[in-house]
């Protein structure tokens, strides 16, 4: 599962709000372990994200409890079969790809290195 442009924008806004201590992330263990967004869900949050509180919760769940956790599940599965010897190589490849993507985006004047959604503006 890949991140979309909207996901990238959400993460950037979330990071700012977490730095300002307006929001925090907590781990809930019941019924199944998952991350939850905590603190103020008032008008400021809706204004910053440009969506409803439910929209903020949905996007948070998608990015952090689906995409992010699934990435670690995949890593854990591969490392359970091959050990951790390949980890450094995988990290080097990932860093190289991120750097190439950053350079390509700078050359084209684009801001983010995530895929768009469909052919229309959501």
PDB file of N, CA and C in Angstrom:
ATOM      1  N   UNK A   1       0.848  -1.161   0.000  1.00  0.00           N
ATOM      2  CA  UNK A   1       0.000   0.000   0.000  1.00  0.00           C
ATOM      3  C   UNK A   1       0.900   1.232   0.000  1.00  0.00           C
ATOM      4  N   UNK A   2       0.665   2.146  -0.887  1.00  0.00           N
ATOM      5  CA  UNK A   2       1.507   3.332  -1.003  1.00  0.00           C
ATOM      6  C   UNK A   2       0.798   4.552  -0.439  1.00  0.00           C
ATOM      7  N   UNK A   3       1.606   5.520  -0.065  1.00  0.00           N
ATOM      8  CA  UNK A   3       1.061   6.777   0.426  1.00  0.00           C
ATOM      9  C   UNK A   3       0.663   7.659  -0.746  1.00  0.00           C
ATOM     10  N   UNK A   4      -0.420   8.389  -0.575  1.00  0.00           N
ATOM     11  CA  UNK A   4      -0.886   9.321  -1.588  1.00  0.00           C
ATOM     12  C   UNK A   4      -0.419  10.729  -1.231  1.00  0.00           C
ATOM     13  N   UNK A   5      -0.638  11.664  -2.130  1.00  0.00           N
ATOM     14  CA  UNK A   5      -0.323  13.068  -1.861  1.00  0.00           C
ATOM     15  C   UNK A   5      -1.098  13.558  -0.642  1.00  0.00           C
ATOM     16  N   UNK A   6      -2.356  13.178  -0.539  1.00  0.00           N
ATOM     17  CA  UNK A   6      -3.161  13.582   0.622  1.00  0.00           C
ATOM     18  C   UNK A   6      -2.599  13.006   1.915  1.00  0.00           C
ATOM     19  N   UNK A   7      -2.106  11.774   1.865  1.00  0.00           N
ATOM     20  CA  UNK A   7      -1.476  11.177   3.043  1.00  0.00           C
ATOM     21  C   UNK A   7      -0.259  11.994   3.460  1.00  0.00           C
ATOM     22  N   UNK A   8       0.570  12.382   2.491  1.00  0.00           N
ATOM     23  CA  UNK A   8       1.778  13.157   2.783  1.00  0.00           C
ATOM     24  C   UNK A   8       1.423  14.504   3.402  1.00  0.00           C
ATOM     25  N   UNK A   9       0.406  15.160   2.864  1.00  0.00           N
ATOM     26  CA  UNK A   9      -0.029  16.441   3.426  1.00  0.00           C
ATOM     27  C   UNK A   9      -0.564  16.251   4.842  1.00  0.00           C
ATOM     28  N   UNK A  10      -1.316  15.193   5.064  1.00  0.00           N
ATOM     29  CA  UNK A  10      -1.851  14.894   6.390  1.00  0.00           C
ATOM     30  C   UNK A  10      -0.720  14.693   7.397  1.00  0.00           C
ATOM     31  N   UNK A  11       0.285  13.903   7.022  1.00  0.00           N
ATOM     32  CA  UNK A  11       1.404  13.626   7.927  1.00  0.00           C
ATOM     33  C   UNK A  11       2.154  14.913   8.258  1.00  0.00           C
ATOM     34  N   UNK A  12       2.348  15.782   7.270  1.00  0.00           N
ATOM     35  CA  UNK A  12       3.038  17.054   7.524  1.00  0.00           C
ATOM     36  C   UNK A  12       2.249  17.903   8.518  1.00  0.00           C
ATOM     37  N   UNK A  13       0.947  18.014   8.325  1.00  0.00           N
ATOM     38  CA  UNK A  13       0.111  18.795   9.249  1.00  0.00           C
ATOM     39  C   UNK A  13       0.082  18.158  10.633  1.00  0.00           C
ATOM     40  N   UNK A  14      -0.030  16.843  10.670  1.00  0.00           N
ATOM     41  CA  UNK A  14      -0.048  16.131  11.944  1.00  0.00           C
ATOM     42  C   UNK A  14       1.255  16.362  12.707  1.00  0.00           C
ATOM     43  N   UNK A  15       2.362  16.328  12.003  1.00  0.00           N
ATOM     44  CA  UNK A  15       3.657  16.569  12.636  1.00  0.00           C
ATOM     45  C   UNK A  15       3.729  17.938  13.282  1.00  0.00           C
ATOM     46  N   UNK A  16       3.222  18.954  12.587  1.00  0.00           N
ATOM     47  CA  UNK A  16       3.214  20.312  13.157  1.00  0.00           C
ATOM     48  C   UNK A  16       2.363  20.366  14.419  1.00  0.00           C
ATOM     49  N   UNK A  17       1.178  19.752  14.376  1.00  0.00           N
ATOM     50  CA  UNK A  17       0.291  19.773  15.542  1.00  0.00           C
ATOM     51  C   UNK A  17       0.868  18.976  16.705  1.00  0.00           C
ATOM     52  N   UNK A  18       1.567  17.904  16.414  1.00  0.00           N
ATOM     53  CA  UNK A  18       2.196  17.134  17.489  1.00  0.00           C
ATOM     54  C   UNK A  18       3.354  17.926  18.099  1.00  0.00           C
ATOM     55  N   UNK A  19       4.107  18.650  17.268  1.00  0.00           N
ATOM     56  CA  UNK A  19       5.185  19.498  17.781  1.00  0.00           C
ATOM     57  C   UNK A  19       4.639  20.594  18.691  1.00  0.00           C
ATOM     58  N   UNK A  20       3.457  21.106  18.341  1.00  0.00           N
ATOM     59  CA  UNK A  20       2.812  22.152  19.146  1.00  0.00           C
ATOM     60  C   UNK A  20       2.062  21.577  20.342  1.00  0.00           C
ATOM     61  N   UNK A  21       2.063  20.258  20.487  1.00  0.00           N
ATOM     62  CA  UNK A  21       1.400  19.545  21.591  1.00  0.00           C
ATOM     63  C   UNK A  21      -0.125  19.638  21.530  1.00  0.00           C
ATOM     64  N   UNK A  22      -0.672  19.925  20.338  1.00  0.00           N
ATOM     65  CA  UNK A  22      -2.126  19.939  20.177  1.00  0.00           C
ATOM     66  C   UNK A  22      -2.682  18.530  20.019  1.00  0.00           C
ATOM     67  N   UNK A  23      -1.872  17.619  19.505  1.00  0.00           N
ATOM     68  CA  UNK A  23      -2.275  16.224  19.315  1.00  0.00           C
ATOM     69  C   UNK A  23      -1.157  15.312  19.792  1.00  0.00           C
ATOM     70  N   UNK A  24      -1.524  14.093  20.150  1.00  0.00           N
ATOM     71  CA  UNK A  24      -0.531  13.077  20.510  1.00  0.00           C
ATOM     72  C   UNK A  24      -1.030  11.724  20.021  1.00  0.00           C
ATOM     73  N   UNK A  25      -0.125  10.769  19.966  1.00  0.00           N
ATOM     74  CA  UNK A  25      -0.457   9.410  19.540  1.00  0.00           C
ATOM     75  C   UNK A  25      -0.227   8.487  20.725  1.00  0.00           C
ATOM     76  N   UNK A  26      -1.199   7.622  20.975  1.00  0.00           N
ATOM     77  CA  UNK A  26      -1.096   6.652  22.065  1.00  0.00           C
ATOM     78  C   UNK A  26      -1.338   5.253  21.522  1.00  0.00           C
ATOM     79  N   UNK A  27      -0.801   4.277  22.230  1.00  0.00           N
ATOM     80  CA  UNK A  27      -1.019   2.875  21.879  1.00  0.00           C
ATOM     81  C   UNK A  27      -2.148   2.327  22.729  1.00  0.00           C
ATOM     82  N   UNK A  28      -3.169   1.790  22.089  1.00  0.00           N
ATOM     83  CA  UNK A  28      -4.273   1.111  22.781  1.00  0.00           C
ATOM     84  C   UNK A  28      -4.089  -0.377  22.552  1.00  0.00           C
ATOM     85  N   UNK A  29      -4.283  -1.159  23.581  1.00  0.00           N
ATOM     86  CA  UNK A  29      -4.036  -2.600  23.478  1.00  0.00           C
ATOM     87  C   UNK A  29      -5.307  -3.426  23.345  1.00  0.00           C
ATOM     88  N   UNK A  30      -6.472  -2.839  23.520  1.00  0.00           N
ATOM     89  CA  UNK A  30      -7.702  -3.628  23.466  1.00  0.00           C
ATOM     90  C   UNK A  30      -8.654  -3.064  22.442  1.00  0.00           C
ATOM     91  N   UNK A  31      -9.384  -3.851  21.729  1.00  0.00           N
ATOM     92  CA  UNK A  31      -9.337  -5.313  21.711  1.00  0.00           C
ATOM     93  C   UNK A  31      -8.086  -5.830  21.003  1.00  0.00           C
ATOM     94  N   UNK A  32      -7.561  -5.082  20.047  1.00  0.00           N
ATOM     95  CA  UNK A  32      -6.323  -5.427  19.352  1.00  0.00           C
ATOM     96  C   UNK A  32      -5.426  -4.191  19.420  1.00  0.00           C
ATOM     97  N   UNK A  33      -4.135  -4.374  19.584  1.00  0.00           N
ATOM     98  CA  UNK A  33      -3.224  -3.230  19.679  1.00  0.00           C
ATOM     99  C   UNK A  33      -3.337  -2.355  18.432  1.00  0.00           C
ATOM    100  N   UNK A  34      -3.450  -1.056  18.653  1.00  0.00           N
ATOM    101  CA  UNK A  34      -3.515  -0.086  17.570  1.00  0.00           C
ATOM    102  C   UNK A  34      -3.175   1.297  18.113  1.00  0.00           C
ATOM    103  N   UNK A  35      -2.807   2.199  17.220  1.00  0.00           N
ATOM    104  CA  UNK A  35      -2.482   3.568  17.604  1.00  0.00           C
ATOM    105  C   UNK A  35      -3.728   4.430  17.485  1.00  0.00           C
ATOM    106  N   UNK A  36      -3.866   5.385  18.410  1.00  0.00           N
ATOM    107  CA  UNK A  36      -4.990   6.313  18.376  1.00  0.00           C
ATOM    108  C   UNK A  36      -4.465   7.735  18.506  1.00  0.00           C
ATOM    109  N   UNK A  37      -5.203   8.646  17.929  1.00  0.00           N
ATOM    110  CA  UNK A  37      -4.894  10.063  17.996  1.00  0.00           C
ATOM    111  C   UNK A  37      -5.599  10.639  19.204  1.00  0.00           C
ATOM    112  N   UNK A  38      -4.902  11.398  20.015  1.00  0.00           N
ATOM    113  CA  UNK A  38      -5.463  11.949  21.246  1.00  0.00           C
ATOM    114  C   UNK A  38      -5.337  13.462  21.289  1.00  0.00           C
ATOM    115  N   UNK A  39      -6.091  14.045  22.170  1.00  0.00           N
ATOM    116  CA  UNK A  39      -6.131  15.447  22.553  1.00  0.00           C
ATOM    117  C   UNK A  39      -7.261  16.169  21.846  1.00  0.00           C
ATOM    118  N   UNK A  40      -7.023  17.402  21.472  1.00  0.00           N
ATOM    119  CA  UNK A  40      -8.070  18.306  21.017  1.00  0.00           C
ATOM    120  C   UNK A  40      -8.542  17.978  19.601  1.00  0.00           C
ATOM    121  N   UNK A  41      -9.814  17.661  19.491  1.00  0.00           N
ATOM    122  CA  UNK A  41     -10.418  17.451  18.176  1.00  0.00           C
ATOM    123  C   UNK A  41     -11.346  18.606  17.829  1.00  0.00           C
ATOM    124  N   UNK A  42     -11.070  19.787  18.332  1.00  0.00           N
ATOM    125  CA  UNK A  42     -11.955  20.928  18.149  1.00  0.00           C
ATOM    126  C   UNK A  42     -11.860  21.564  16.781  1.00  0.00           C
ATOM    127  N   UNK A  43     -12.342  22.795  16.724  1.00  0.00           N
ATOM    128  CA  UNK A  43     -12.421  23.533  15.468  1.00  0.00           C
ATOM    129  C   UNK A  43     -11.044  23.744  14.840  1.00  0.00           C
ATOM    130  N   UNK A  44     -10.020  23.945  15.676  1.00  0.00           N
ATOM    131  CA  UNK A  44      -8.672  24.165  15.139  1.00  0.00           C
ATOM    132  C   UNK A  44      -8.209  22.972  14.315  1.00  0.00           C
ATOM    133  N   UNK A  45      -8.471  21.772  14.820  1.00  0.00           N
ATOM    134  CA  UNK A  45      -8.034  20.562  14.124  1.00  0.00           C
ATOM    135  C   UNK A  45      -8.750  20.439  12.782  1.00  0.00           C
ATOM    136  N   UNK A  46     -10.058  20.656  12.788  1.00  0.00           N
ATOM    137  CA  UNK A  46     -10.826  20.582  11.540  1.00  0.00           C
ATOM    138  C   UNK A  46     -10.335  21.635  10.547  1.00  0.00           C
ATOM    139  N   UNK A  47     -10.008  22.824  11.049  1.00  0.00           N
ATOM    140  CA  UNK A  47      -9.533  23.890  10.164  1.00  0.00           C
ATOM    141  C   UNK A  47      -8.152  23.565   9.587  1.00  0.00           C
ATOM    142  N   UNK A  48      -7.263  23.032  10.410  1.00  0.00           N
ATOM    143  CA  UNK A  48      -5.908  22.715   9.952  1.00  0.00           C
ATOM    144  C   UNK A  48      -5.931  21.619   8.891  1.00  0.00           C
ATOM    145  N   UNK A  49      -6.720  20.578   9.117  1.00  0.00           N
ATOM    146  CA  UNK A  49      -6.749  19.456   8.184  1.00  0.00           C
ATOM    147  C   UNK A  49      -7.724  19.671   7.031  1.00  0.00           C
ATOM    148  N   UNK A  50      -8.680  20.549   7.194  1.00  0.00           N
ATOM    149  CA  UNK A  50      -9.643  20.801   6.130  1.00  0.00           C
ATOM    150  C   UNK A  50     -10.641  19.681   5.925  1.00  0.00           C
ATOM    151  N   UNK A  51     -10.813  18.828   6.937  1.00  0.00           N
ATOM    152  CA  UNK A  51     -11.786  17.737   6.879  1.00  0.00           C
ATOM    153  C   UNK A  51     -12.464  17.626   8.238  1.00  0.00           C
ATOM    154  N   UNK A  52     -13.479  16.797   8.314  1.00  0.00           N
ATOM    155  CA  UNK A  52     -14.183  16.590   9.578  1.00  0.00           C
ATOM    156  C   UNK A  52     -13.313  15.802  10.551  1.00  0.00           C
ATOM    157  N   UNK A  53     -13.743  15.749  11.791  1.00  0.00           N
ATOM    158  CA  UNK A  53     -13.027  14.943  12.788  1.00  0.00           C
ATOM    159  C   UNK A  53     -12.973  13.486  12.359  1.00  0.00           C
ATOM    160  N   UNK A  54     -14.074  12.995  11.799  1.00  0.00           N
ATOM    161  CA  UNK A  54     -14.095  11.611  11.305  1.00  0.00           C
ATOM    162  C   UNK A  54     -13.087  11.426  10.174  1.00  0.00           C
ATOM    163  N   UNK A  55     -12.957  12.438   9.322  1.00  0.00           N
ATOM    164  CA  UNK A  55     -11.971  12.375   8.248  1.00  0.00           C
ATOM    165  C   UNK A  55     -10.546  12.307   8.777  1.00  0.00           C
ATOM    166  N   UNK A  56     -10.280  13.078   9.839  1.00  0.00           N
ATOM    167  CA  UNK A  56      -8.960  13.042  10.475  1.00  0.00           C
ATOM    168  C   UNK A  56      -8.704  11.661  11.049  1.00  0.00           C
ATOM    169  N   UNK A  57      -9.689  11.106  11.747  1.00  0.00           N
ATOM    170  CA  UNK A  57      -9.531   9.753  12.317  1.00  0.00           C
ATOM    171  C   UNK A  57      -9.315   8.713  11.221  1.00  0.00           C
ATOM    172  N   UNK A  58     -10.067   8.816  10.127  1.00  0.00           N
ATOM    173  CA  UNK A  58      -9.939   7.849   9.040  1.00  0.00           C
ATOM    174  C   UNK A  58      -8.540   7.906   8.426  1.00  0.00           C
ATOM    175  N   UNK A  59      -8.074   9.111   8.113  1.00  0.00           N
ATOM    176  CA  UNK A  59      -6.758   9.254   7.485  1.00  0.00           C
ATOM    177  C   UNK A  59      -5.655   8.786   8.438  1.00  0.00           C
ATOM    178  N   UNK A  60      -5.767   9.125   9.730  1.00  0.00           N
ATOM    179  CA  UNK A  60      -4.788   8.673  10.716  1.00  0.00           C
ATOM    180  C   UNK A  60      -4.744   7.147  10.747  1.00  0.00           C
ATOM    181  N   UNK A  61      -5.910   6.520  10.808  1.00  0.00           N
ATOM    182  CA  UNK A  61      -5.969   5.058  10.848  1.00  0.00           C
ATOM    183  C   UNK A  61      -5.346   4.449   9.595  1.00  0.00           C
ATOM    184  N   UNK A  62      -5.641   5.005   8.444  1.00  0.00           N
ATOM    185  CA  UNK A  62      -5.087   4.486   7.188  1.00  0.00           C
ATOM    186  C   UNK A  62      -3.563   4.575   7.185  1.00  0.00           C
ATOM    187  N   UNK A  63      -3.022   5.754   7.499  1.00  0.00           N
ATOM    188  CA  UNK A  63      -1.579   5.956   7.415  1.00  0.00           C
ATOM    189  C   UNK A  63      -0.833   5.184   8.497  1.00  0.00           C
ATOM    190  N   UNK A  64      -1.294   5.294   9.744  1.00  0.00           N
ATOM    191  CA  UNK A  64      -0.512   4.744  10.851  1.00  0.00           C
ATOM    192  C   UNK A  64      -0.860   3.298  11.194  1.00  0.00           C
ATOM    193  N   UNK A  65      -2.119   2.917  11.134  1.00  0.00           N
ATOM    194  CA  UNK A  65      -2.495   1.555  11.518  1.00  0.00           C
ATOM    195  C   UNK A  65      -2.562   0.599  10.338  1.00  0.00           C
ATOM    196  N   UNK A  66      -2.571   1.113   9.135  1.00  0.00           N
ATOM    197  CA  UNK A  66      -2.565   0.241   7.960  1.00  0.00           C
ATOM    198  C   UNK A  66      -1.211   0.295   7.249  1.00  0.00           C
ATOM    199  N   UNK A  67      -0.874   1.424   6.650  1.00  0.00           N
ATOM    200  CA  UNK A  67       0.339   1.523   5.839  1.00  0.00           C
ATOM    201  C   UNK A  67       1.601   1.324   6.685  1.00  0.00           C
ATOM    202  N   UNK A  68       1.741   2.102   7.757  1.00  0.00           N
ATOM    203  CA  UNK A  68       2.961   2.079   8.574  1.00  0.00           C
ATOM    204  C   UNK A  68       3.146   0.729   9.261  1.00  0.00           C
ATOM    205  N   UNK A  69       2.106   0.233   9.907  1.00  0.00           N
ATOM    206  CA  UNK A  69       2.212  -1.049  10.608  1.00  0.00           C
ATOM    207  C   UNK A  69       2.427  -2.184   9.609  1.00  0.00           C
ATOM    208  N   UNK A  70       1.765  -2.146   8.464  1.00  0.00           N
ATOM    209  CA  UNK A  70       1.944  -3.203   7.466  1.00  0.00           C
ATOM    210  C   UNK A  70       3.380  -3.254   6.959  1.00  0.00           C
ATOM    211  N   UNK A  71       4.019  -2.106   6.832  1.00  0.00           N
ATOM    212  CA  UNK A  71       5.423  -2.089   6.412  1.00  0.00           C
ATOM    213  C   UNK A  71       6.280  -2.870   7.409  1.00  0.00           C
ATOM    214  N   UNK A  72       6.036  -2.660   8.700  1.00  0.00           N
ATOM    215  CA  UNK A  72       6.799  -3.397   9.713  1.00  0.00           C
ATOM    216  C   UNK A  72       6.421  -4.877   9.750  1.00  0.00           C
ATOM    217  N   UNK A  73       5.174  -5.198   9.489  1.00  0.00           N
ATOM    218  CA  UNK A  73       4.770  -6.611   9.416  1.00  0.00           C
ATOM    219  C   UNK A  73       5.514  -7.312   8.284  1.00  0.00           C
ATOM    220  N   UNK A  74       5.639  -6.636   7.156  1.00  0.00           N
ATOM    221  CA  UNK A  74       6.362  -7.195   6.018  1.00  0.00           C
ATOM    222  C   UNK A  74       7.832  -7.405   6.364  1.00  0.00           C
ATOM    223  N   UNK A  75       8.441  -6.404   6.996  1.00  0.00           N
ATOM    224  CA  UNK A  75       9.844  -6.524   7.401  1.00  0.00           C
ATOM    225  C   UNK A  75      10.020  -7.678   8.381  1.00  0.00           C
ATOM    226  N   UNK A  76       9.152  -7.770   9.371  1.00  0.00           N
ATOM    227  CA  UNK A  76       9.244  -8.849  10.365  1.00  0.00           C
ATOM    228  C   UNK A  76       9.107 -10.213   9.703  1.00  0.00           C
ATOM    229  N   UNK A  77       8.204 -10.326   8.736  1.00  0.00           N
ATOM    230  CA  UNK A  77       8.004 -11.599   8.039  1.00  0.00           C
ATOM    231  C   UNK A  77       9.257 -11.988   7.249  1.00  0.00           C
ATOM    232  N   UNK A  78       9.818 -11.041   6.500  1.00  0.00           N
ATOM    233  CA  UNK A  78      11.022 -11.330   5.716  1.00  0.00           C
ATOM    234  C   UNK A  78      12.183 -11.685   6.640  1.00  0.00           C
ATOM    235  N   UNK A  79      12.353 -10.908   7.720  1.00  0.00           N
ATOM    236  CA  UNK A  79      13.472 -11.169   8.632  1.00  0.00           C
ATOM    237  C   UNK A  79      13.293 -12.469   9.407  1.00  0.00           C
ATOM    238  N   UNK A  80      12.058 -12.936   9.569  1.00  0.00           N
ATOM    239  CA  UNK A  80      11.857 -14.227  10.237  1.00  0.00           C
ATOM    240  C   UNK A  80      12.361 -15.374   9.363  1.00  0.00           C
ATOM    241  N   UNK A  81      12.432 -15.153   8.063  1.00  0.00           N
ATOM    242  CA  UNK A  81      12.893 -16.183   7.145  1.00  0.00           C
ATOM    243  C   UNK A  81      14.378 -16.058   6.795  1.00  0.00           C
ATOM    244  N   UNK A  82      14.882 -14.816   6.750  1.00  0.00           N
ATOM    245  CA  UNK A  82      16.257 -14.588   6.311  1.00  0.00           C
ATOM    246  C   UNK A  82      17.154 -13.986   7.387  1.00  0.00           C
ATOM    247  N   UNK A  83      16.615 -13.661   8.537  1.00  0.00           N
ATOM    248  CA  UNK A  83      17.403 -12.986   9.558  1.00  0.00           C
ATOM    249  C   UNK A  83      17.531 -11.506   9.240  1.00  0.00           C
ATOM    250  N   UNK A  84      18.362 -10.828  10.000  1.00  0.00           N
ATOM    251  CA  UNK A  84      18.494  -9.375   9.831  1.00  0.00           C
ATOM    252  C   UNK A  84      19.685  -8.985   8.963  1.00  0.00           C
ATOM    253  N   UNK A  85      20.363  -9.963   8.375  1.00  0.00           N
ATOM    254  CA  UNK A  85      21.561  -9.673   7.590  1.00  0.00           C
ATOM    255  C   UNK A  85      21.283  -8.763   6.392  1.00  0.00           C
ATOM    256  N   UNK A  86      20.095  -8.829   5.840  1.00  0.00           N
ATOM    257  CA  UNK A  86      19.767  -8.032   4.652  1.00  0.00           C
ATOM    258  C   UNK A  86      19.281  -6.624   4.994  1.00  0.00           C
ATOM    259  N   UNK A  87      19.050  -6.347   6.263  1.00  0.00           N
ATOM    260  CA  UNK A  87      18.458  -5.071   6.672  1.00  0.00           C
ATOM    261  C   UNK A  87      19.288  -3.873   6.210  1.00  0.00           C
ATOM    262  N   UNK A  88      20.592  -3.907   6.429  1.00  0.00           N
ATOM    263  CA  UNK A  88      21.440  -2.772   6.047  1.00  0.00           C
ATOM    264  C   UNK A  88      21.409  -2.536   4.543  1.00  0.00           C
ATOM    265  N   UNK A  89      21.406  -3.615   3.761  1.00  0.00           N
ATOM    266  CA  UNK A  89      21.329  -3.458   2.309  1.00  0.00           C
ATOM    267  C   UNK A  89      19.998  -2.836   1.912  1.00  0.00           C
ATOM    268  N   UNK A  90      18.914  -3.295   2.529  1.00  0.00           N
ATOM    269  CA  UNK A  90      17.590  -2.752   2.217  1.00  0.00           C
ATOM    270  C   UNK A  90      17.517  -1.270   2.579  1.00  0.00           C
ATOM    271  N   UNK A  91      18.086  -0.904   3.721  1.00  0.00           N
ATOM    272  CA  UNK A  91      18.095   0.509   4.119  1.00  0.00           C
ATOM    273  C   UNK A  91      18.908   1.353   3.149  1.00  0.00           C
ATOM    274  N   UNK A  92      20.025   0.826   2.679  1.00  0.00           N
ATOM    275  CA  UNK A  92      20.842   1.563   1.717  1.00  0.00           C
ATOM    276  C   UNK A  92      20.092   1.769   0.405  1.00  0.00           C
ATOM    277  N   UNK A  93      19.424   0.724  -0.067  1.00  0.00           N
ATOM    278  CA  UNK A  93      18.625   0.835  -1.290  1.00  0.00           C
ATOM    279  C   UNK A  93      17.512   1.863  -1.092  1.00  0.00           C
ATOM    280  N   UNK A  94      16.836   1.810   0.054  1.00  0.00           N
ATOM    281  CA  UNK A  94      15.743   2.747   0.328  1.00  0.00           C
ATOM    282  C   UNK A  94      16.249   4.184   0.366  1.00  0.00           C
ATOM    283  N   UNK A  95      17.390   4.408   1.006  1.00  0.00           N
ATOM    284  CA  UNK A  95      17.958   5.767   1.058  1.00  0.00           C
ATOM    285  C   UNK A  95      18.331   6.253  -0.338  1.00  0.00           C
ATOM    286  N   UNK A  96      18.938   5.378  -1.141  1.00  0.00           N
ATOM    287  CA  UNK A  96      19.293   5.749  -2.511  1.00  0.00           C
ATOM    288  C   UNK A  96      18.055   6.120  -3.317  1.00  0.00           C
ATOM    289  N   UNK A  97      17.004   5.320  -3.192  1.00  0.00           N
ATOM    290  CA  UNK A  97      15.767   5.612  -3.927  1.00  0.00           C
ATOM    291  C   UNK A  97      15.147   6.926  -3.473  1.00  0.00           C
ATOM    292  N   UNK A  98      15.158   7.170  -2.170  1.00  0.00           N
ATOM    293  CA  UNK A  98      14.605   8.424  -1.652  1.00  0.00           C
ATOM    294  C   UNK A  98      15.402   9.616  -2.177  1.00  0.00           C
ATOM    295  N   UNK A  99      16.708   9.483  -2.224  1.00  0.00           N
ATOM    296  CA  UNK A  99      17.557  10.564  -2.737  1.00  0.00           C
ATOM    297  C   UNK A  99      17.313  10.794  -4.226  1.00  0.00           C
ATOM    298  N   UNK A 100      17.205   9.718  -5.005  1.00  0.00           N
ATOM    299  CA  UNK A 100      16.915   9.860  -6.436  1.00  0.00           C
ATOM    300  C   UNK A 100      15.559  10.521  -6.645  1.00  0.00           C
ATOM    301  N   UNK A 101      14.563  10.117  -5.845  1.00  0.00           N
ATOM    302  CA  UNK A 101      13.231  10.706  -5.951  1.00  0.00           C
ATOM    303  C   UNK A 101      13.280  12.192  -5.602  1.00  0.00           C
ATOM    304  N   UNK A 102      14.031  12.548  -4.545  1.00  0.00           N
ATOM    305  CA  UNK A 102      14.150  13.944  -4.141  1.00  0.00           C
ATOM    306  C   UNK A 102      14.780  14.772  -5.258  1.00  0.00           C
ATOM    307  N   UNK A 103      15.842  14.258  -5.865  1.00  0.00           N
ATOM    308  CA  UNK A 103      16.503  14.975  -6.963  1.00  0.00           C
ATOM    309  C   UNK A 103      15.578  15.146  -8.160  1.00  0.00           C
ATOM    310  N   UNK A 104      14.866  14.085  -8.509  1.00  0.00           N
ATOM    311  CA  UNK A 104      13.943  14.162  -9.645  1.00  0.00           C
ATOM    312  C   UNK A 104      12.850  15.190  -9.382  1.00  0.00           C
ATOM    313  N   UNK A 105      12.357  15.226  -8.156  1.00  0.00           N
ATOM    314  CA  UNK A 105      11.308  16.182  -7.819  1.00  0.00           C
ATOM    315  C   UNK A 105      11.835  17.608  -7.837  1.00  0.00           C
ATOM    316  N   UNK A 106      13.054  17.807  -7.368  1.00  0.00           N
ATOM    317  CA  UNK A 106      13.653  19.141  -7.428  1.00  0.00           C
ATOM    318  C   UNK A 106      13.819  19.582  -8.874  1.00  0.00           C
ATOM    319  N   UNK A 107      14.234  18.660  -9.734  1.00  0.00           N
ATOM    320  CA  UNK A 107      14.449  18.981 -11.140  1.00  0.00           C
ATOM    321  C   UNK A 107      13.146  19.358 -11.841  1.00  0.00           C
ATOM    322  N   UNK A 108      12.042  18.751 -11.415  1.00  0.00           N
ATOM    323  CA  UNK A 108      10.752  19.042 -12.048  1.00  0.00           C
ATOM    324  C   UNK A 108       9.952  20.085 -11.290  1.00  0.00           C
ATOM    325  N   UNK A 109      10.457  20.509 -10.124  1.00  0.00           N
ATOM    326  CA  UNK A 109       9.766  21.532  -9.350  1.00  0.00           C
ATOM    327  C   UNK A 109       8.578  21.022  -8.564  1.00  0.00           C
ATOM    328  N   UNK A 110       8.489  19.720  -8.354  1.00  0.00           N
ATOM    329  CA  UNK A 110       7.388  19.165  -7.572  1.00  0.00           C
ATOM    330  C   UNK A 110       7.763  19.147  -6.103  1.00  0.00           C
ATOM    331  N   UNK A 111       6.737  19.061  -5.235  1.00  0.00           N
ATOM    332  CA  UNK A 111       6.977  19.190  -3.800  1.00  0.00           C
ATOM    333  C   UNK A 111       7.069  17.869  -3.055  1.00  0.00           C
ATOM    334  N   UNK A 112       6.334  16.851  -3.451  1.00  0.00           N
ATOM    335  CA  UNK A 112       6.295  15.620  -2.651  1.00  0.00           C
ATOM    336  C   UNK A 112       6.527  14.409  -3.533  1.00  0.00           C
ATOM    337  N   UNK A 113       7.069  13.361  -2.948  1.00  0.00           N
ATOM    338  CA  UNK A 113       7.397  12.160  -3.704  1.00  0.00           C
ATOM    339  C   UNK A 113       6.436  11.026  -3.481  1.00  0.00           C
ATOM    340  N   UNK A 114       5.142  11.311  -3.466  1.00  0.00           N
ATOM    341  CA  UNK A 114       4.149  10.259  -3.304  1.00  0.00           C
ATOM    342  C   UNK A 114       3.224  10.287  -4.499  1.00  0.00           C
ATOM    343  N   UNK A 115       2.572   9.198  -4.714  1.00  0.00           N
ATOM    344  CA  UNK A 115       1.708   9.103  -5.888  1.00  0.00           C
ATOM    345  C   UNK A 115       0.434   9.913  -5.689  1.00  0.00           C
ATOM    346  N   UNK A 116      -0.124  10.392  -6.774  1.00  0.00           N
ATOM    347  CA  UNK A 116      -1.406  11.071  -6.727  1.00  0.00           C
ATOM    348  C   UNK A 116      -2.529  10.062  -6.712  1.00  0.00           C
ATOM    349  N   UNK A 117      -3.741  10.555  -6.574  1.00  0.00           N
ATOM    350  CA  UNK A 117      -4.905   9.682  -6.538  1.00  0.00           C
ATOM    351  C   UNK A 117      -5.734   9.965  -7.774  1.00  0.00           C
ATOM    352  N   UNK A 118      -5.873   8.975  -8.630  1.00  0.00           N
ATOM    353  CA  UNK A 118      -6.698   9.127  -9.816  1.00  0.00           C
ATOM    354  C   UNK A 118      -6.192  10.226 -10.735  1.00  0.00           C
ATOM    355  N   UNK A 119      -7.077  10.696 -11.623  1.00  0.00           N
ATOM    356  CA  UNK A 119      -6.710  11.750 -12.558  1.00  0.00           C
ATOM    357  C   UNK A 119      -7.316  13.085 -12.180  1.00  0.00           C
ATOM    358  N   UNK A 120      -8.107  13.102 -11.131  1.00  0.00           N
ATOM    359  CA  UNK A 120      -8.760  14.335 -10.737  1.00  0.00           C
ATOM    360  C   UNK A 120      -8.277  14.763  -9.361  1.00  0.00           C
ATOM    361  N   UNK A 121      -8.536  16.007  -9.024  1.00  0.00           N
ATOM    362  CA  UNK A 121      -8.147  16.542  -7.726  1.00  0.00           C
ATOM    363  C   UNK A 121      -9.190  16.148  -6.700  1.00  0.00           C
ATOM    364  N   UNK A 122      -8.785  15.420  -5.631  1.00  0.00           N
ATOM    365  CA  UNK A 122      -9.720  14.987  -4.583  1.00  0.00           C
ATOM    366  C   UNK A 122      -9.936  16.091  -3.588  1.00  0.00           C
TER     367      UNK A 122
END
